[in-house]
N, C-alpha and C. Protein backbone atom coordinates (compact mmCIF):
# COMPACT_ATOMS: atom_id res chain seq x y z
N UNK A 1 98.02 3.03 140.38
CA UNK A 1 98.12 1.69 139.80
C UNK A 1 98.10 0.64 140.89
N UNK A 2 97.40 -0.42 140.61
CA UNK A 2 97.39 -1.55 141.54
C UNK A 2 97.99 -2.75 140.81
N UNK A 3 98.54 -3.65 141.58
CA UNK A 3 99.08 -4.85 140.94
C UNK A 3 97.94 -5.66 140.35
N UNK A 4 98.22 -6.27 139.24
CA UNK A 4 97.21 -7.11 138.59
C UNK A 4 96.71 -8.13 139.59
N UNK A 5 95.44 -8.45 139.48
CA UNK A 5 94.83 -9.40 140.41
C UNK A 5 95.43 -10.79 140.23
N UNK A 6 96.16 -11.01 139.15
CA UNK A 6 96.76 -12.34 138.94
C UNK A 6 98.24 -12.32 139.27
N UNK A 7 98.73 -11.21 139.80
CA UNK A 7 100.13 -11.13 140.17
C UNK A 7 101.03 -10.80 139.00
N UNK A 8 100.48 -10.44 137.86
CA UNK A 8 101.28 -10.08 136.69
C UNK A 8 101.58 -8.60 136.71
N UNK A 9 101.50 -7.98 135.55
CA UNK A 9 101.81 -6.55 135.46
C UNK A 9 100.69 -5.75 136.12
N UNK A 10 101.03 -4.53 136.56
CA UNK A 10 100.01 -3.70 137.21
C UNK A 10 98.89 -3.37 136.22
N UNK A 11 97.68 -3.30 136.73
CA UNK A 11 96.59 -2.88 135.85
C UNK A 11 96.22 -1.45 136.23
N UNK A 12 95.76 -0.70 135.28
CA UNK A 12 95.39 0.69 135.51
C UNK A 12 93.91 0.71 135.88
N UNK A 13 93.66 0.83 137.17
CA UNK A 13 92.29 0.80 137.66
C UNK A 13 91.59 2.12 137.37
N UNK A 14 90.38 2.02 136.87
CA UNK A 14 89.53 3.20 136.63
C UNK A 14 88.30 3.04 137.50
N UNK A 15 87.70 4.16 137.84
CA UNK A 15 86.48 4.17 138.64
C UNK A 15 85.40 4.92 137.90
N UNK A 16 84.18 4.44 138.06
CA UNK A 16 83.03 5.13 137.51
C UNK A 16 81.92 5.04 138.55
N UNK A 17 81.11 6.09 138.62
CA UNK A 17 79.98 6.10 139.54
C UNK A 17 78.71 6.19 138.73
N UNK A 18 77.82 5.26 139.02
CA UNK A 18 76.54 5.19 138.32
C UNK A 18 75.47 5.66 139.30
N UNK A 19 74.69 6.65 138.88
CA UNK A 19 73.58 7.10 139.71
C UNK A 19 72.38 6.23 139.37
N UNK A 20 71.90 5.47 140.36
CA UNK A 20 70.83 4.49 140.14
C UNK A 20 69.66 4.81 141.06
N UNK A 21 68.56 4.07 140.92
CA UNK A 21 67.44 4.24 141.85
C UNK A 21 67.84 3.97 143.31
N UNK A 22 68.95 3.25 143.52
CA UNK A 22 69.42 2.96 144.88
C UNK A 22 70.42 3.98 145.38
N UNK A 23 70.78 4.94 144.54
CA UNK A 23 71.82 5.89 144.89
C UNK A 23 73.06 5.63 144.05
N UNK A 24 74.21 6.09 144.54
CA UNK A 24 75.44 5.98 143.77
C UNK A 24 76.08 4.59 143.91
N UNK A 25 76.33 3.97 142.77
CA UNK A 25 76.98 2.66 142.72
C UNK A 25 78.40 2.89 142.22
N UNK A 26 79.40 2.48 143.00
CA UNK A 26 80.81 2.64 142.61
C UNK A 26 81.28 1.39 141.89
N UNK A 27 81.84 1.59 140.71
CA UNK A 27 82.33 0.48 139.90
C UNK A 27 83.81 0.72 139.63
N UNK A 28 84.63 -0.31 139.84
CA UNK A 28 86.05 -0.18 139.51
C UNK A 28 86.44 -1.34 138.60
N UNK A 29 87.46 -1.09 137.80
CA UNK A 29 87.94 -2.13 136.89
C UNK A 29 89.07 -1.62 136.04
N UNK A 30 89.50 -2.47 135.12
CA UNK A 30 90.59 -2.14 134.21
C UNK A 30 90.27 -2.73 132.85
N UNK A 31 91.23 -2.68 131.95
CA UNK A 31 91.04 -3.25 130.61
C UNK A 31 90.71 -4.74 130.65
N UNK A 32 91.19 -5.42 131.71
CA UNK A 32 91.00 -6.88 131.83
C UNK A 32 89.60 -7.25 132.30
N UNK A 33 88.97 -6.35 133.08
CA UNK A 33 87.64 -6.66 133.58
C UNK A 33 87.25 -5.82 134.77
N UNK A 34 86.04 -6.05 135.23
CA UNK A 34 85.49 -5.33 136.38
C UNK A 34 86.13 -5.90 137.64
N UNK A 35 86.59 -5.01 138.53
CA UNK A 35 87.15 -5.44 139.81
C UNK A 35 86.05 -5.56 140.86
N UNK A 36 85.17 -4.55 140.91
CA UNK A 36 84.19 -4.53 141.99
C UNK A 36 83.02 -3.62 141.64
N UNK A 37 81.84 -4.02 142.12
CA UNK A 37 80.65 -3.16 142.07
C UNK A 37 80.21 -2.98 143.52
N UNK A 38 80.27 -1.75 144.01
CA UNK A 38 79.90 -1.48 145.40
C UNK A 38 78.59 -0.72 145.44
N UNK A 39 77.63 -1.31 146.15
CA UNK A 39 76.34 -0.65 146.34
C UNK A 39 76.40 0.24 147.56
N UNK A 40 75.61 1.31 147.55
CA UNK A 40 75.58 2.15 148.75
C UNK A 40 74.89 1.41 149.88
N UNK A 41 75.39 1.59 151.10
CA UNK A 41 74.71 1.00 152.26
C UNK A 41 73.69 2.01 152.74
N UNK A 42 72.47 1.55 152.94
CA UNK A 42 71.43 2.49 153.33
C UNK A 42 70.59 1.95 154.46
N UNK A 43 70.19 2.86 155.34
CA UNK A 43 69.23 2.49 156.38
C UNK A 43 67.83 2.94 155.95
N UNK A 44 67.79 3.88 154.99
CA UNK A 44 66.51 4.33 154.43
C UNK A 44 66.69 4.41 152.93
N UNK A 45 65.77 3.81 152.19
CA UNK A 45 65.86 3.91 150.73
C UNK A 45 65.46 5.31 150.30
N UNK A 46 66.07 5.81 149.22
CA UNK A 46 65.70 7.14 148.74
C UNK A 46 64.22 7.16 148.35
N UNK A 47 63.56 8.28 148.59
CA UNK A 47 62.15 8.35 148.23
C UNK A 47 62.03 8.37 146.72
N UNK A 48 60.94 7.83 146.23
CA UNK A 48 60.73 7.78 144.78
C UNK A 48 61.69 6.84 144.10
N UNK A 49 62.15 5.79 144.79
CA UNK A 49 63.06 4.83 144.17
C UNK A 49 62.26 3.94 143.23
N UNK A 50 61.91 4.49 142.11
CA UNK A 50 61.14 3.75 141.11
C UNK A 50 62.11 3.14 140.11
N UNK A 51 61.71 2.04 139.53
CA UNK A 51 62.58 1.41 138.54
C UNK A 51 62.71 2.28 137.30
N UNK A 52 61.79 3.23 137.11
CA UNK A 52 61.87 4.10 135.94
C UNK A 52 62.86 5.25 136.17
N UNK A 53 63.36 5.35 137.41
CA UNK A 53 64.32 6.43 137.69
C UNK A 53 65.51 6.31 136.77
N UNK A 54 66.06 7.45 136.42
CA UNK A 54 67.20 7.46 135.51
C UNK A 54 68.36 6.68 136.11
N UNK A 55 69.18 6.15 135.25
CA UNK A 55 70.36 5.41 135.69
C UNK A 55 71.48 5.87 134.78
N UNK A 56 72.27 6.80 135.27
CA UNK A 56 73.29 7.43 134.42
C UNK A 56 74.64 7.46 135.10
N UNK A 57 75.69 7.44 134.29
CA UNK A 57 77.04 7.64 134.81
C UNK A 57 77.13 9.09 135.26
N UNK A 58 77.48 9.31 136.53
CA UNK A 58 77.58 10.69 137.01
C UNK A 58 79.02 11.10 137.30
N UNK A 59 79.92 10.15 137.44
CA UNK A 59 81.34 10.47 137.62
C UNK A 59 82.15 9.38 136.94
N UNK A 60 83.20 9.79 136.27
CA UNK A 60 84.08 8.80 135.66
C UNK A 60 84.86 9.41 134.52
N UNK A 61 85.90 8.71 134.10
CA UNK A 61 86.74 9.24 133.02
C UNK A 61 85.99 9.22 131.69
N UNK A 62 86.42 10.08 130.79
CA UNK A 62 85.83 10.12 129.44
C UNK A 62 85.96 8.76 128.76
N UNK A 63 87.17 8.22 128.82
CA UNK A 63 87.45 6.95 128.14
C UNK A 63 87.37 5.80 129.15
N UNK A 64 86.29 5.06 129.09
CA UNK A 64 86.15 3.92 129.99
C UNK A 64 86.64 2.66 129.30
N UNK A 65 87.38 1.80 130.01
CA UNK A 65 87.73 0.50 129.42
C UNK A 65 86.44 -0.26 129.06
N UNK A 66 86.52 -1.11 128.05
CA UNK A 66 85.35 -1.83 127.57
C UNK A 66 84.58 -2.57 128.68
N UNK A 67 85.26 -3.28 129.60
CA UNK A 67 84.49 -3.96 130.65
C UNK A 67 83.64 -2.99 131.49
N UNK A 68 84.15 -1.79 131.73
CA UNK A 68 83.37 -0.82 132.52
C UNK A 68 82.22 -0.25 131.69
N UNK A 69 82.43 -0.08 130.39
CA UNK A 69 81.33 0.35 129.51
C UNK A 69 80.23 -0.71 129.52
N UNK A 70 80.62 -1.98 129.39
CA UNK A 70 79.65 -3.08 129.39
C UNK A 70 78.94 -3.17 130.73
N UNK A 71 79.68 -2.96 131.81
CA UNK A 71 79.11 -3.04 133.15
C UNK A 71 78.07 -1.94 133.36
N UNK A 72 78.39 -0.71 132.99
CA UNK A 72 77.43 0.38 133.18
C UNK A 72 76.21 0.17 132.29
N UNK A 73 76.41 -0.32 131.07
CA UNK A 73 75.27 -0.59 130.18
C UNK A 73 74.38 -1.68 130.77
N UNK A 74 74.99 -2.73 131.32
CA UNK A 74 74.24 -3.84 131.90
C UNK A 74 73.43 -3.37 133.11
N UNK A 75 74.07 -2.60 133.99
CA UNK A 75 73.38 -2.12 135.19
C UNK A 75 72.25 -1.14 134.82
N UNK A 76 72.50 -0.29 133.84
CA UNK A 76 71.45 0.64 133.38
C UNK A 76 70.24 -0.17 132.90
N UNK A 77 70.50 -1.21 132.13
CA UNK A 77 69.41 -2.07 131.64
C UNK A 77 68.72 -2.77 132.80
N UNK A 78 69.49 -3.26 133.77
CA UNK A 78 68.91 -3.95 134.92
C UNK A 78 67.88 -3.07 135.62
N UNK A 79 68.22 -1.81 135.83
CA UNK A 79 67.31 -0.91 136.54
C UNK A 79 66.18 -0.39 135.65
N UNK A 80 66.47 -0.11 134.38
CA UNK A 80 65.51 0.59 133.53
C UNK A 80 64.78 -0.30 132.53
N UNK A 81 65.44 -1.30 131.98
CA UNK A 81 64.83 -2.19 130.98
C UNK A 81 65.31 -3.62 131.21
N UNK A 82 64.88 -4.25 132.32
CA UNK A 82 65.41 -5.57 132.69
C UNK A 82 65.28 -6.64 131.61
N UNK A 83 64.28 -6.54 130.76
CA UNK A 83 64.09 -7.55 129.72
C UNK A 83 65.27 -7.59 128.76
N UNK A 84 66.05 -6.51 128.70
CA UNK A 84 67.15 -6.46 127.74
C UNK A 84 68.48 -6.99 128.29
N UNK A 85 68.55 -7.28 129.61
CA UNK A 85 69.85 -7.71 130.15
C UNK A 85 70.33 -9.01 129.53
N UNK A 86 69.41 -9.90 129.17
CA UNK A 86 69.81 -11.18 128.59
C UNK A 86 70.49 -11.06 127.25
N UNK A 87 70.24 -9.95 126.55
CA UNK A 87 70.85 -9.78 125.23
C UNK A 87 72.14 -8.96 125.30
N UNK A 88 72.50 -8.49 126.50
CA UNK A 88 73.72 -7.69 126.64
C UNK A 88 74.88 -8.57 127.07
N UNK A 89 76.10 -8.20 126.63
CA UNK A 89 77.25 -8.98 127.09
C UNK A 89 77.50 -8.73 128.58
N UNK A 90 77.82 -9.79 129.30
CA UNK A 90 78.23 -9.65 130.69
C UNK A 90 79.71 -9.27 130.65
N UNK A 91 80.09 -8.22 131.36
CA UNK A 91 81.50 -7.80 131.29
C UNK A 91 82.44 -8.86 131.85
N UNK A 92 83.69 -8.79 131.41
CA UNK A 92 84.71 -9.66 131.99
C UNK A 92 84.94 -9.21 133.43
N UNK A 93 85.33 -10.15 134.30
CA UNK A 93 85.63 -9.84 135.68
C UNK A 93 87.12 -10.02 135.91
N UNK A 94 87.70 -9.16 136.75
CA UNK A 94 89.13 -9.23 137.04
C UNK A 94 89.33 -9.01 138.53
N UNK A 95 89.00 -10.03 139.30
CA UNK A 95 89.11 -9.98 140.76
C UNK A 95 89.66 -11.33 141.23
N UNK A 96 90.53 -11.32 142.25
CA UNK A 96 91.16 -12.59 142.68
C UNK A 96 90.17 -13.70 143.01
N UNK A 97 89.05 -13.37 143.63
CA UNK A 97 88.05 -14.38 144.00
C UNK A 97 87.55 -15.11 142.77
N UNK A 98 87.49 -14.40 141.64
CA UNK A 98 86.95 -14.99 140.42
C UNK A 98 88.04 -15.55 139.50
N UNK A 99 89.30 -15.39 139.89
CA UNK A 99 90.42 -15.91 139.10
C UNK A 99 90.81 -17.32 139.55
N UNK A 100 90.73 -17.54 140.88
CA UNK A 100 91.16 -18.83 141.43
C UNK A 100 90.08 -19.88 141.23
N UNK A 101 90.50 -21.11 141.04
CA UNK A 101 89.55 -22.22 140.97
C UNK A 101 89.21 -22.61 142.40
N UNK A 102 88.00 -22.31 142.83
CA UNK A 102 87.62 -22.57 144.22
C UNK A 102 86.12 -22.83 144.30
N UNK A 103 85.67 -23.32 145.45
CA UNK A 103 84.24 -23.53 145.65
C UNK A 103 83.50 -22.18 145.59
N UNK A 104 84.11 -21.14 146.15
CA UNK A 104 83.49 -19.80 146.10
C UNK A 104 83.24 -19.38 144.66
N UNK A 105 84.24 -19.54 143.82
CA UNK A 105 84.08 -19.17 142.41
C UNK A 105 82.98 -20.02 141.76
N UNK A 106 82.99 -21.31 142.05
CA UNK A 106 81.97 -22.22 141.51
C UNK A 106 80.57 -21.76 141.91
N UNK A 107 80.41 -21.38 143.18
CA UNK A 107 79.12 -20.92 143.69
C UNK A 107 78.69 -19.64 142.96
N UNK A 108 79.62 -18.68 142.84
CA UNK A 108 79.28 -17.40 142.21
C UNK A 108 78.92 -17.58 140.74
N UNK A 109 79.67 -18.42 140.01
CA UNK A 109 79.34 -18.67 138.59
C UNK A 109 77.98 -19.37 138.48
N UNK A 110 77.75 -20.37 139.36
CA UNK A 110 76.47 -21.09 139.33
C UNK A 110 75.33 -20.12 139.58
N UNK A 111 75.49 -19.27 140.57
CA UNK A 111 74.46 -18.29 140.89
C UNK A 111 74.18 -17.39 139.68
N UNK A 112 75.23 -16.88 139.06
CA UNK A 112 75.06 -15.97 137.92
C UNK A 112 74.39 -16.67 136.73
N UNK A 113 74.75 -17.91 136.50
CA UNK A 113 74.25 -18.60 135.30
C UNK A 113 72.92 -19.32 135.50
N UNK A 114 72.63 -19.77 136.72
CA UNK A 114 71.47 -20.65 136.92
C UNK A 114 70.28 -20.01 137.64
N UNK A 115 70.51 -18.93 138.37
CA UNK A 115 69.41 -18.31 139.11
C UNK A 115 69.01 -17.04 138.37
N UNK A 116 67.89 -17.14 137.68
CA UNK A 116 67.47 -16.09 136.74
C UNK A 116 66.79 -14.91 137.42
N UNK A 117 66.67 -13.84 136.65
CA UNK A 117 66.01 -12.62 137.08
C UNK A 117 64.64 -12.94 137.67
N UNK A 118 64.37 -12.41 138.86
CA UNK A 118 63.07 -12.61 139.49
C UNK A 118 62.94 -13.91 140.25
N UNK A 119 64.00 -14.73 140.28
CA UNK A 119 63.98 -15.99 141.04
C UNK A 119 64.75 -15.81 142.33
N UNK A 120 64.52 -16.70 143.26
CA UNK A 120 65.31 -16.72 144.50
C UNK A 120 65.67 -18.17 144.78
N UNK A 121 66.74 -18.35 145.51
CA UNK A 121 67.23 -19.69 145.82
C UNK A 121 67.74 -19.66 147.26
N UNK A 122 67.60 -20.78 147.97
CA UNK A 122 68.12 -20.81 149.35
C UNK A 122 69.62 -21.15 149.29
N UNK A 123 70.29 -20.87 150.41
CA UNK A 123 71.72 -21.20 150.51
C UNK A 123 71.91 -22.70 150.24
N UNK A 124 71.01 -23.51 150.81
CA UNK A 124 71.11 -24.95 150.65
C UNK A 124 70.90 -25.36 149.19
N UNK A 125 69.89 -24.77 148.52
CA UNK A 125 69.65 -25.08 147.11
C UNK A 125 70.84 -24.69 146.25
N UNK A 126 71.43 -23.53 146.54
CA UNK A 126 72.58 -23.08 145.76
C UNK A 126 73.78 -24.00 145.99
N UNK A 127 73.97 -24.46 147.22
CA UNK A 127 75.05 -25.41 147.51
C UNK A 127 74.87 -26.67 146.66
N UNK A 128 73.63 -27.15 146.57
CA UNK A 128 73.32 -28.33 145.76
C UNK A 128 73.62 -28.05 144.28
N UNK A 129 73.16 -26.91 143.77
CA UNK A 129 73.42 -26.56 142.37
C UNK A 129 74.92 -26.47 142.06
N UNK A 130 75.69 -26.00 143.06
CA UNK A 130 77.14 -25.84 142.87
C UNK A 130 77.90 -27.14 143.10
N UNK A 131 77.20 -28.21 143.45
CA UNK A 131 77.85 -29.52 143.52
C UNK A 131 78.17 -30.03 144.91
N UNK A 132 77.74 -29.35 145.98
CA UNK A 132 77.99 -29.85 147.32
C UNK A 132 76.82 -29.48 148.21
N UNK A 133 75.83 -30.35 148.29
CA UNK A 133 74.59 -30.04 148.97
C UNK A 133 74.75 -29.80 150.47
N UNK A 134 75.90 -30.19 151.04
CA UNK A 134 76.09 -29.97 152.48
C UNK A 134 76.88 -28.70 152.78
N UNK A 135 77.07 -27.86 151.78
CA UNK A 135 77.95 -26.70 151.96
C UNK A 135 77.19 -25.37 152.05
N UNK A 136 76.02 -25.37 152.68
CA UNK A 136 75.23 -24.14 152.77
C UNK A 136 75.99 -23.01 153.47
N UNK A 137 76.75 -23.36 154.52
CA UNK A 137 77.54 -22.32 155.21
C UNK A 137 78.62 -21.74 154.30
N UNK A 138 79.24 -22.60 153.51
CA UNK A 138 80.27 -22.13 152.57
C UNK A 138 79.65 -21.22 151.52
N UNK A 139 78.40 -21.50 151.15
CA UNK A 139 77.69 -20.63 150.21
C UNK A 139 77.53 -19.25 150.83
N UNK A 140 77.21 -19.20 152.11
CA UNK A 140 77.11 -17.91 152.81
C UNK A 140 78.42 -17.15 152.74
N UNK A 141 79.52 -17.86 152.93
CA UNK A 141 80.84 -17.23 152.82
C UNK A 141 81.10 -16.71 151.41
N UNK A 142 80.68 -17.48 150.42
CA UNK A 142 80.85 -17.05 149.02
C UNK A 142 80.06 -15.77 148.75
N UNK A 143 78.85 -15.69 149.32
CA UNK A 143 78.02 -14.50 149.12
C UNK A 143 78.71 -13.28 149.72
N UNK A 144 79.31 -13.45 150.90
CA UNK A 144 79.99 -12.33 151.56
C UNK A 144 81.20 -11.86 150.77
N UNK A 145 81.83 -12.76 150.02
CA UNK A 145 83.03 -12.36 149.28
C UNK A 145 82.74 -11.99 147.82
N UNK A 146 81.47 -11.92 147.43
CA UNK A 146 81.11 -11.57 146.06
C UNK A 146 81.49 -10.12 145.77
N UNK A 147 82.44 -9.89 144.83
CA UNK A 147 82.84 -8.51 144.53
C UNK A 147 81.94 -7.83 143.49
N UNK A 148 81.10 -8.60 142.81
CA UNK A 148 80.35 -8.07 141.67
C UNK A 148 78.85 -8.10 141.98
N UNK A 149 78.41 -7.17 142.82
CA UNK A 149 77.00 -7.12 143.22
C UNK A 149 76.10 -6.96 142.00
N UNK A 150 74.91 -7.44 142.09
CA UNK A 150 73.82 -7.40 141.11
C UNK A 150 74.10 -8.29 139.90
N UNK A 151 75.23 -8.12 139.20
CA UNK A 151 75.50 -8.98 138.04
C UNK A 151 75.67 -10.42 138.51
N UNK A 152 76.44 -10.62 139.57
CA UNK A 152 76.45 -11.91 140.26
C UNK A 152 75.45 -11.72 141.40
N UNK A 153 74.23 -12.21 141.22
CA UNK A 153 73.09 -11.77 142.02
C UNK A 153 72.96 -12.41 143.40
N UNK A 154 73.89 -12.09 144.31
CA UNK A 154 73.82 -12.69 145.64
C UNK A 154 72.58 -12.21 146.40
N UNK A 155 71.94 -11.14 145.93
CA UNK A 155 70.69 -10.71 146.57
C UNK A 155 69.57 -11.73 146.36
N UNK A 156 69.73 -12.65 145.41
CA UNK A 156 68.69 -13.66 145.14
C UNK A 156 68.82 -14.88 146.05
N UNK A 157 69.83 -14.89 146.92
CA UNK A 157 70.01 -16.02 147.83
C UNK A 157 69.36 -15.67 149.16
N UNK A 158 68.38 -16.50 149.55
CA UNK A 158 67.59 -16.23 150.76
C UNK A 158 67.65 -17.43 151.70
N UNK A 159 67.10 -17.27 152.88
CA UNK A 159 67.05 -18.36 153.86
C UNK A 159 65.99 -19.39 153.45
N UNK A 160 66.17 -20.62 153.88
CA UNK A 160 65.20 -21.68 153.58
C UNK A 160 63.81 -21.32 154.10
N UNK A 161 63.76 -20.51 155.16
CA UNK A 161 62.48 -20.10 155.75
C UNK A 161 61.72 -19.12 154.86
N UNK A 162 62.40 -18.59 153.85
CA UNK A 162 61.78 -17.59 152.98
C UNK A 162 62.16 -16.17 153.37
N UNK A 163 62.78 -16.01 154.54
CA UNK A 163 63.25 -14.68 154.94
C UNK A 163 64.44 -14.30 154.08
N UNK A 164 64.66 -12.99 153.93
CA UNK A 164 65.70 -12.54 153.00
C UNK A 164 67.11 -12.82 153.50
N UNK A 165 67.34 -12.78 154.79
CA UNK A 165 68.69 -13.00 155.31
C UNK A 165 69.56 -11.76 155.15
N UNK A 166 70.85 -11.93 155.36
CA UNK A 166 71.78 -10.81 155.36
C UNK A 166 72.14 -10.37 153.94
N UNK A 167 72.67 -9.14 153.84
CA UNK A 167 73.14 -8.62 152.56
C UNK A 167 74.17 -7.54 152.85
N UNK A 168 75.26 -7.56 152.10
CA UNK A 168 76.35 -6.62 152.34
C UNK A 168 75.92 -5.16 152.31
N UNK A 169 75.02 -4.81 151.39
CA UNK A 169 74.58 -3.41 151.28
C UNK A 169 73.40 -3.13 152.21
N UNK A 170 73.00 -4.12 152.97
CA UNK A 170 71.91 -3.91 153.93
C UNK A 170 70.61 -4.56 153.50
N UNK A 171 69.80 -4.82 154.48
CA UNK A 171 68.52 -5.51 154.32
C UNK A 171 67.59 -4.77 153.36
N UNK A 172 67.51 -3.43 153.49
CA UNK A 172 66.60 -2.64 152.64
C UNK A 172 66.97 -2.75 151.17
N UNK A 173 68.26 -2.70 150.88
CA UNK A 173 68.71 -2.79 149.48
C UNK A 173 68.35 -4.16 148.91
N UNK A 174 68.58 -5.22 149.70
CA UNK A 174 68.25 -6.58 149.24
C UNK A 174 66.75 -6.68 148.96
N UNK A 175 65.94 -6.18 149.88
CA UNK A 175 64.49 -6.24 149.67
C UNK A 175 64.08 -5.43 148.45
N UNK A 176 64.71 -4.26 148.26
CA UNK A 176 64.38 -3.43 147.08
C UNK A 176 64.71 -4.19 145.79
N UNK A 177 65.89 -4.82 145.73
CA UNK A 177 66.30 -5.55 144.52
C UNK A 177 65.34 -6.71 144.24
N UNK A 178 64.99 -7.47 145.27
CA UNK A 178 64.07 -8.60 145.08
C UNK A 178 62.69 -8.10 144.63
N UNK A 179 62.23 -7.02 145.22
CA UNK A 179 60.93 -6.45 144.85
C UNK A 179 60.96 -5.91 143.42
N UNK A 180 62.04 -5.21 143.08
CA UNK A 180 62.22 -4.67 141.72
C UNK A 180 62.13 -5.81 140.69
N UNK A 181 62.82 -6.92 140.97
CA UNK A 181 62.82 -8.04 140.03
C UNK A 181 61.44 -8.68 139.94
N UNK A 182 60.76 -8.81 141.07
CA UNK A 182 59.43 -9.43 141.07
C UNK A 182 58.46 -8.58 140.24
N UNK A 183 58.45 -7.28 140.47
CA UNK A 183 57.55 -6.37 139.75
C UNK A 183 57.89 -6.38 138.26
N UNK A 184 59.18 -6.29 137.93
CA UNK A 184 59.59 -6.25 136.52
C UNK A 184 59.31 -7.57 135.81
N UNK A 185 59.49 -8.69 136.53
CA UNK A 185 59.25 -10.00 135.92
C UNK A 185 57.79 -10.16 135.54
N UNK A 186 56.89 -9.61 136.37
CA UNK A 186 55.46 -9.71 136.09
C UNK A 186 55.09 -8.96 134.79
N UNK A 187 55.91 -7.95 134.43
CA UNK A 187 55.65 -7.17 133.22
C UNK A 187 56.15 -7.88 131.95
N UNK A 188 57.05 -8.85 132.15
CA UNK A 188 57.68 -9.51 131.00
C UNK A 188 56.73 -10.49 130.35
N UNK A 189 56.79 -10.59 129.01
CA UNK A 189 56.00 -11.63 128.35
C UNK A 189 56.57 -13.00 128.70
N UNK A 190 55.73 -13.99 128.83
CA UNK A 190 56.21 -15.35 129.20
C UNK A 190 56.95 -16.01 128.07
């Protein structure tokens, strides 16, 4: 048991592992929401990392709290049927970064709500969208503290030069995610 992220009663954290085209994704959370989505760090992407690759829960308890069920369903759709993610519920989040009213939280919510699948935005553009156009460095800090990879799509934030920039799970994973979205977006009806 870990203490609730809001300092209240302890929450019963559960873990689930999703086998994705990128490898094993670790997801943790409780009845209140998802705590974290951790992507594998890779120096080499797995061969045959096609978007059609299966995306299945490979480890986890029989009874998953609803936020974890929603999270695994959303991620499965992201990898296998991206057109359906818009119709799926986004799971609740239960992490201190997303509980406090802060610029970081504002940036992460703005990114999730305003930067759509297959789009990219610069740190400076995201700072402007979040209400402080001079806070590009703070946006970088917000990206580093993002606990909910992919659903809060920090991989879509790139340098003004067009280069991909840094990513917690590594450069290859960021490039794979951006490429996956570009290819899948081209398949979508306008």
